[in-house]
């Protein structure tokens, strides 16, 4: 028996850093879903930095708050159970202006659900990064630049 080929998925994310804190969100209606970064799936023909910017603005509800995006790493994640191969781009950004300590928004077109999702944004201390696949690229970047890494 042969397995179905892996479906290619391309995603782009933003590490938004403000005063030694990382912008993350939690899903208010799905408390078991782990913390996540702003970002998401590239549209057909879309370039990764444009997708990272678009997704971040759509998800956070902020326009003009994100600074320039700088690519700091990529990775590939394979999900055999779901038959997915994800190519992921990670960008670093600093706010152009101070952003709120916390706020809520709606993700109107989430790729993982069928209906809009309520999310809460907040700043997580860089010293308390969770054990998630998306933290590895940021931790590697911080070590390369002699910055303190949690754990």
C-alpha atoms as a PDB file:
ATOM      1  CA  UNK A   1       0.000   0.000   0.000  1.00  0.00           C
ATOM      2  CA  UNK A   2       1.425   3.401  -0.924  1.00  0.00           C
ATOM      3  CA  UNK A   3       0.827   6.551   1.068  1.00  0.00           C
ATOM      4  CA  UNK A   4      -0.663   9.685  -0.391  1.00  0.00           C
ATOM      5  CA  UNK A   5       1.998  12.289  -1.178  1.00  0.00           C
ATOM      6  CA  UNK A   6       2.468  15.075   1.349  1.00  0.00           C
ATOM      7  CA  UNK A   7       0.455  18.211   0.615  1.00  0.00           C
ATOM      8  CA  UNK A   8       2.780  21.240   0.393  1.00  0.00           C
ATOM      9  CA  UNK A   9       1.783  24.207   2.573  1.00  0.00           C
ATOM     10  CA  UNK A  10       3.682  27.492   2.789  1.00  0.00           C
ATOM     11  CA  UNK A  11       3.437  29.665   5.911  1.00  0.00           C
ATOM     12  CA  UNK A  12       5.029  32.919   7.032  1.00  0.00           C
ATOM     13  CA  UNK A  13       5.191  34.265  10.590  1.00  0.00           C
ATOM     14  CA  UNK A  14       6.312  37.402  12.398  1.00  0.00           C
ATOM     15  CA  UNK A  15       8.281  37.606  15.627  1.00  0.00           C
ATOM     16  CA  UNK A  16       7.116  41.055  16.797  1.00  0.00           C
ATOM     17  CA  UNK A  17       9.371  42.120  19.667  1.00  0.00           C
ATOM     18  CA  UNK A  18       8.737  45.053  22.003  1.00  0.00           C
ATOM     19  CA  UNK A  19      10.804  45.679  25.166  1.00  0.00           C
ATOM     20  CA  UNK A  20      12.094  42.087  25.484  1.00  0.00           C
ATOM     21  CA  UNK A  21       8.590  40.655  24.923  1.00  0.00           C
ATOM     22  CA  UNK A  22       7.181  38.663  22.004  1.00  0.00           C
ATOM     23  CA  UNK A  23       3.689  39.234  20.600  1.00  0.00           C
ATOM     24  CA  UNK A  24       1.629  36.019  20.790  1.00  0.00           C
ATOM     25  CA  UNK A  25      -2.038  35.132  20.828  1.00  0.00           C
ATOM     26  CA  UNK A  26      -4.375  32.637  22.392  1.00  0.00           C
ATOM     27  CA  UNK A  27      -7.672  31.415  20.953  1.00  0.00           C
ATOM     28  CA  UNK A  28     -10.425  32.504  23.342  1.00  0.00           C
ATOM     29  CA  UNK A  29     -12.949  29.893  22.187  1.00  0.00           C
ATOM     30  CA  UNK A  30     -10.374  27.080  21.970  1.00  0.00           C
ATOM     31  CA  UNK A  31      -8.331  27.177  25.201  1.00  0.00           C
ATOM     32  CA  UNK A  32      -6.524  23.913  24.368  1.00  0.00           C
ATOM     33  CA  UNK A  33      -4.920  25.429  21.256  1.00  0.00           C
ATOM     34  CA  UNK A  34      -1.322  26.461  22.073  1.00  0.00           C
ATOM     35  CA  UNK A  35      -0.047  30.018  21.873  1.00  0.00           C
ATOM     36  CA  UNK A  36       0.713  31.225  18.350  1.00  0.00           C
ATOM     37  CA  UNK A  37       2.487  33.968  16.423  1.00  0.00           C
ATOM     38  CA  UNK A  38       0.953  36.387  13.956  1.00  0.00           C
ATOM     39  CA  UNK A  39       1.149  34.903  10.478  1.00  0.00           C
ATOM     40  CA  UNK A  40      -0.325  32.170   8.366  1.00  0.00           C
ATOM     41  CA  UNK A  41      -0.712  30.563   4.974  1.00  0.00           C
ATOM     42  CA  UNK A  42       0.563  32.102   1.755  1.00  0.00           C
ATOM     43  CA  UNK A  43      -2.018  32.698  -0.952  1.00  0.00           C
ATOM     44  CA  UNK A  44      -1.234  31.287  -4.438  1.00  0.00           C
ATOM     45  CA  UNK A  45       1.591  33.313  -6.003  1.00  0.00           C
ATOM     46  CA  UNK A  46       2.163  35.376  -2.836  1.00  0.00           C
ATOM     47  CA  UNK A  47       5.704  36.008  -1.608  1.00  0.00           C
ATOM     48  CA  UNK A  48       6.512  35.062   2.018  1.00  0.00           C
ATOM     49  CA  UNK A  49       7.240  38.593   3.341  1.00  0.00           C
ATOM     50  CA  UNK A  50       3.994  39.912   1.868  1.00  0.00           C
ATOM     51  CA  UNK A  51       2.063  36.998   3.379  1.00  0.00           C
ATOM     52  CA  UNK A  52       3.659  37.591   6.791  1.00  0.00           C
ATOM     53  CA  UNK A  53       2.706  41.278   6.634  1.00  0.00           C
ATOM     54  CA  UNK A  54      -0.839  40.624   5.337  1.00  0.00           C
ATOM     55  CA  UNK A  55      -1.599  37.858   7.821  1.00  0.00           C
ATOM     56  CA  UNK A  56      -0.247  39.883  10.745  1.00  0.00           C
ATOM     57  CA  UNK A  57      -2.352  42.926   9.903  1.00  0.00           C
ATOM     58  CA  UNK A  58      -5.474  40.792   9.288  1.00  0.00           C
ATOM     59  CA  UNK A  59      -5.102  38.813  12.506  1.00  0.00           C
ATOM     60  CA  UNK A  60      -4.095  41.592  14.899  1.00  0.00           C
ATOM     61  CA  UNK A  61      -6.434  44.223  13.514  1.00  0.00           C
ATOM     62  CA  UNK A  62      -3.522  46.691  13.549  1.00  0.00           C
ATOM     63  CA  UNK A  63      -2.586  48.599  10.457  1.00  0.00           C
ATOM     64  CA  UNK A  64       0.658  50.508  10.398  1.00  0.00           C
ATOM     65  CA  UNK A  65       1.888  49.085  13.700  1.00  0.00           C
ATOM     66  CA  UNK A  66       4.336  46.609  12.233  1.00  0.00           C
ATOM     67  CA  UNK A  67       7.835  47.747  11.340  1.00  0.00           C
ATOM     68  CA  UNK A  68      10.063  46.424   8.585  1.00  0.00           C
ATOM     69  CA  UNK A  69      10.249  42.648   8.327  1.00  0.00           C
ATOM     70  CA  UNK A  70      13.657  40.971   8.380  1.00  0.00           C
ATOM     71  CA  UNK A  71      13.951  37.284   7.497  1.00  0.00           C
ATOM     72  CA  UNK A  72      15.795  35.495  10.318  1.00  0.00           C
ATOM     73  CA  UNK A  73      15.169  31.867   9.417  1.00  0.00           C
ATOM     74  CA  UNK A  74      13.222  29.159   7.677  1.00  0.00           C
ATOM     75  CA  UNK A  75      12.350  25.600   8.453  1.00  0.00           C
ATOM     76  CA  UNK A  76      10.385  22.649   7.151  1.00  0.00           C
ATOM     77  CA  UNK A  77       7.868  20.825   9.278  1.00  0.00           C
ATOM     78  CA  UNK A  78       6.391  17.479   8.237  1.00  0.00           C
ATOM     79  CA  UNK A  79       3.091  16.223   9.675  1.00  0.00           C
ATOM     80  CA  UNK A  80       2.815  12.587   8.513  1.00  0.00           C
ATOM     81  CA  UNK A  81      -0.545  12.053  10.224  1.00  0.00           C
ATOM     82  CA  UNK A  82      -2.113  14.941   8.285  1.00  0.00           C
ATOM     83  CA  UNK A  83       0.015  14.276   5.163  1.00  0.00           C
ATOM     84  CA  UNK A  84       1.399  17.847   5.207  1.00  0.00           C
ATOM     85  CA  UNK A  85       4.811  19.333   4.489  1.00  0.00           C
ATOM     86  CA  UNK A  86       5.044  22.932   5.722  1.00  0.00           C
ATOM     87  CA  UNK A  87       7.707  25.323   4.466  1.00  0.00           C
ATOM     88  CA  UNK A  88       7.860  28.166   7.011  1.00  0.00           C
ATOM     89  CA  UNK A  89       9.486  31.611   6.881  1.00  0.00           C
ATOM     90  CA  UNK A  90      10.094  33.598  10.077  1.00  0.00           C
ATOM     91  CA  UNK A  91      10.503  37.378  10.119  1.00  0.00           C
ATOM     92  CA  UNK A  92      11.621  39.691  12.914  1.00  0.00           C
ATOM     93  CA  UNK A  93       9.904  43.040  13.359  1.00  0.00           C
ATOM     94  CA  UNK A  94       9.787  45.840  15.905  1.00  0.00           C
ATOM     95  CA  UNK A  95       6.700  48.061  16.276  1.00  0.00           C
ATOM     96  CA  UNK A  96       6.730  51.449  14.576  1.00  0.00           C
ATOM     97  CA  UNK A  97       4.819  52.774  17.572  1.00  0.00           C
ATOM     98  CA  UNK A  98       4.091  51.424  21.066  1.00  0.00           C
ATOM     99  CA  UNK A  99       1.406  48.757  20.945  1.00  0.00           C
ATOM    100  CA  UNK A 100      -1.149  47.975  23.678  1.00  0.00           C
ATOM    101  CA  UNK A 101      -0.320  45.530  26.477  1.00  0.00           C
ATOM    102  CA  UNK A 102      -3.201  43.314  25.355  1.00  0.00           C
ATOM    103  CA  UNK A 103      -6.142  43.431  22.943  1.00  0.00           C
ATOM    104  CA  UNK A 104      -8.714  41.184  21.283  1.00  0.00           C
ATOM    105  CA  UNK A 105      -9.440  40.693  17.608  1.00  0.00           C
ATOM    106  CA  UNK A 106     -11.200  38.334  15.242  1.00  0.00           C
ATOM    107  CA  UNK A 107      -9.437  36.094  12.766  1.00  0.00           C
ATOM    108  CA  UNK A 108     -12.087  36.207  10.056  1.00  0.00           C
ATOM    109  CA  UNK A 109     -10.698  33.589   7.668  1.00  0.00           C
ATOM    110  CA  UNK A 110      -8.722  31.025   9.691  1.00  0.00           C
ATOM    111  CA  UNK A 111      -7.262  28.130   7.726  1.00  0.00           C
ATOM    112  CA  UNK A 112      -7.767  25.656  10.598  1.00  0.00           C
ATOM    113  CA  UNK A 113     -11.440  26.415  11.350  1.00  0.00           C
ATOM    114  CA  UNK A 114     -14.564  27.081   9.364  1.00  0.00           C
ATOM    115  CA  UNK A 115     -15.831  30.064  11.321  1.00  0.00           C
ATOM    116  CA  UNK A 116     -14.207  33.293  12.558  1.00  0.00           C
ATOM    117  CA  UNK A 117     -12.146  32.877  15.725  1.00  0.00           C
ATOM    118  CA  UNK A 118     -11.770  35.299  18.651  1.00  0.00           C
ATOM    119  CA  UNK A 119      -8.165  35.792  19.709  1.00  0.00           C
ATOM    120  CA  UNK A 120      -6.410  37.699  22.490  1.00  0.00           C
ATOM    121  CA  UNK A 121      -3.011  39.264  21.847  1.00  0.00           C
ATOM    122  CA  UNK A 122      -0.463  39.850  24.582  1.00  0.00           C
ATOM    123  CA  UNK A 123       3.280  40.219  25.148  1.00  0.00           C
ATOM    124  CA  UNK A 124       5.162  37.177  26.420  1.00  0.00           C
ATOM    125  CA  UNK A 125       8.576  37.768  28.045  1.00  0.00           C
ATOM    126  CA  UNK A 126      11.343  36.431  25.791  1.00  0.00           C
ATOM    127  CA  UNK A 127      12.730  34.688  28.873  1.00  0.00           C
ATOM    128  CA  UNK A 128       9.547  32.547  29.021  1.00  0.00           C
ATOM    129  CA  UNK A 129       9.269  31.221  25.465  1.00  0.00           C
ATOM    130  CA  UNK A 130       7.234  27.983  25.391  1.00  0.00           C
ATOM    131  CA  UNK A 131       8.506  24.722  23.939  1.00  0.00           C
ATOM    132  CA  UNK A 132       6.962  25.109  20.497  1.00  0.00           C
ATOM    133  CA  UNK A 133       8.339  24.439  17.030  1.00  0.00           C
ATOM    134  CA  UNK A 134       8.076  28.143  16.168  1.00  0.00           C
ATOM    135  CA  UNK A 135      10.375  29.219  19.028  1.00  0.00           C
ATOM    136  CA  UNK A 136      13.457  27.383  17.670  1.00  0.00           C
ATOM    137  CA  UNK A 137      14.237  29.876  14.900  1.00  0.00           C
ATOM    138  CA  UNK A 138      13.972  32.846  17.282  1.00  0.00           C
ATOM    139  CA  UNK A 139      16.095  31.138  19.951  1.00  0.00           C
ATOM    140  CA  UNK A 140      18.766  30.297  17.346  1.00  0.00           C
ATOM    141  CA  UNK A 141      18.767  33.923  16.154  1.00  0.00           C
ATOM    142  CA  UNK A 142      19.068  35.230  19.727  1.00  0.00           C
ATOM    143  CA  UNK A 143      21.992  32.886  20.511  1.00  0.00           C
ATOM    144  CA  UNK A 144      23.816  33.915  17.309  1.00  0.00           C
ATOM    145  CA  UNK A 145      23.528  37.554  18.369  1.00  0.00           C
ATOM    146  CA  UNK A 146      24.543  36.970  22.000  1.00  0.00           C
ATOM    147  CA  UNK A 147      21.101  37.731  23.376  1.00  0.00           C
ATOM    148  CA  UNK A 148      19.719  36.021  26.456  1.00  0.00           C
ATOM    149  CA  UNK A 149      17.533  33.029  25.731  1.00  0.00           C
ATOM    150  CA  UNK A 150      15.069  31.661  28.271  1.00  0.00           C
ATOM    151  CA  UNK A 151      15.583  28.205  29.812  1.00  0.00           C
END
